[in-house]
Amino acid sequence: PGVDSQLYQITQAPDPQELARRFLVKVEGDRILVLLDLADQDTAFLQDYDVQVDSQYGTKVQAFVPINRLCELASTDQVVAIVRLDKDITQ
């Protein structure tokens, strides 16, 4: 529900890493770089989903999320949306 359509396609692909690269999404191992829009600034729960936080600005978090956990993470009350990262939010 809260996952960008291209990210959802990646989660359903036979080769998610390859599709992520074709969509120009940064991939590190089994994780992809996304922008998390959180309900509040608390990020402690993200460790339960094996998320590696890269940077944070308020409720916006740039993070590497395991592809197979994206939909599960999006369905939590703490996450408003997960979208493709078009540019680094720290720039």
Protein backbone atom coordinates (compact mmCIF):
# COMPACT_ATOMS: atom_id res chain seq x y z
CA PRO A 1 0.00 0.00 0.00
CA GLY A 2 2.64 2.58 0.94
CA VAL A 3 5.22 1.38 -1.59
CA ASP A 4 6.00 3.29 -4.79
CA SER A 5 4.81 1.32 -7.85
CA GLN A 6 8.31 0.79 -9.27
CA LEU A 7 9.58 -0.41 -5.90
CA TYR A 8 6.65 -2.82 -5.70
CA GLN A 9 7.53 -4.17 -9.16
CA ILE A 10 11.07 -4.75 -7.92
CA THR A 11 9.80 -6.79 -4.94
CA GLN A 12 7.79 -9.02 -7.32
CA ALA A 13 10.49 -9.52 -9.97
CA PRO A 14 12.25 -12.87 -10.50
CA ASP A 15 15.56 -10.98 -10.33
CA PRO A 16 14.88 -7.96 -8.07
CA GLN A 17 18.45 -6.64 -8.09
CA GLU A 18 18.55 -6.59 -11.92
CA LEU A 19 15.21 -4.78 -12.18
CA ALA A 20 16.31 -2.28 -9.54
CA ARG A 21 19.41 -1.51 -11.60
CA ARG A 22 17.28 -1.09 -14.74
CA PHE A 23 15.10 1.39 -12.82
CA LEU A 24 18.34 3.15 -11.76
CA VAL A 25 17.80 2.43 -8.08
CA LYS A 26 21.01 2.05 -6.07
CA VAL A 27 21.55 -1.56 -4.96
CA GLU A 28 23.89 -2.89 -2.27
CA GLY A 29 23.66 -6.66 -1.93
CA ASP A 30 20.02 -7.50 -1.26
CA ARG A 31 19.16 -3.92 -0.23
CA ILE A 32 17.99 -0.93 -2.27
CA LEU A 33 18.27 2.74 -1.45
CA VAL A 34 14.87 4.33 -0.81
CA LEU A 35 13.30 7.31 0.91
CA LEU A 36 11.15 6.43 3.91
CA ASP A 37 8.49 8.91 4.97
CA LEU A 38 7.88 8.16 8.65
CA ALA A 39 4.99 9.09 10.92
CA ASP A 40 7.51 10.59 13.37
CA GLN A 41 11.28 10.99 13.74
CA ASP A 42 11.81 7.73 15.68
CA THR A 43 13.86 5.28 13.64
CA ALA A 44 14.58 2.65 16.32
CA PHE A 45 12.00 0.22 14.87
CA LEU A 46 13.91 0.10 11.56
CA GLN A 47 16.54 -2.21 13.02
CA ASP A 48 13.80 -4.87 13.32
CA TYR A 49 13.61 -4.83 9.51
CA ASP A 50 17.39 -4.95 8.95
CA VAL A 51 17.32 -1.40 7.55
CA GLN A 52 20.58 0.54 7.27
CA VAL A 53 19.87 4.24 7.77
CA ASP A 54 22.04 6.42 5.56
CA SER A 55 20.75 9.86 6.58
CA GLN A 56 17.72 11.52 8.13
CA TYR A 57 16.05 14.90 7.83
CA GLY A 58 13.04 15.14 10.13
CA THR A 59 10.64 12.34 9.22
CA LYS A 60 12.39 11.66 5.88
CA VAL A 61 14.93 8.85 6.07
CA GLN A 62 17.27 7.78 3.31
CA ALA A 63 18.03 4.11 3.91
CA PHE A 64 19.04 0.79 2.41
CA VAL A 65 16.13 -1.60 2.88
CA PRO A 66 16.17 -5.34 2.14
CA ILE A 67 14.08 -5.82 -1.01
CA ASN A 68 12.18 -8.71 0.55
CA ARG A 69 11.14 -6.54 3.55
CA LEU A 70 9.87 -3.46 1.66
CA CYS A 71 6.17 -4.37 1.63
CA GLU A 72 6.26 -5.61 5.22
CA LEU A 73 7.91 -2.35 6.32
CA ALA A 74 5.41 -0.25 4.35
CA SER A 75 2.50 -1.91 6.15
CA THR A 76 3.66 -0.73 9.59
CA ASP A 77 1.98 2.21 11.32
CA GLN A 78 5.34 4.00 11.60
CA VAL A 79 5.81 4.25 7.81
CA VAL A 80 3.68 6.67 5.79
CA ALA A 81 5.28 5.83 2.44
CA ILE A 82 8.34 4.33 0.77
CA VAL A 83 9.41 5.98 -2.45
CA ARG A 84 12.19 5.81 -4.99
CA LEU A 85 15.08 8.01 -4.11
CA ASP A 86 15.50 10.49 -6.94
CA LYS A 87 18.36 12.34 -5.27
CA ASP A 88 20.35 12.28 -2.07
CA ILE A 89 18.38 14.23 0.58
CA THR A 90 21.59 15.34 2.28
CA GLN A 91 22.69 17.44 -0.71
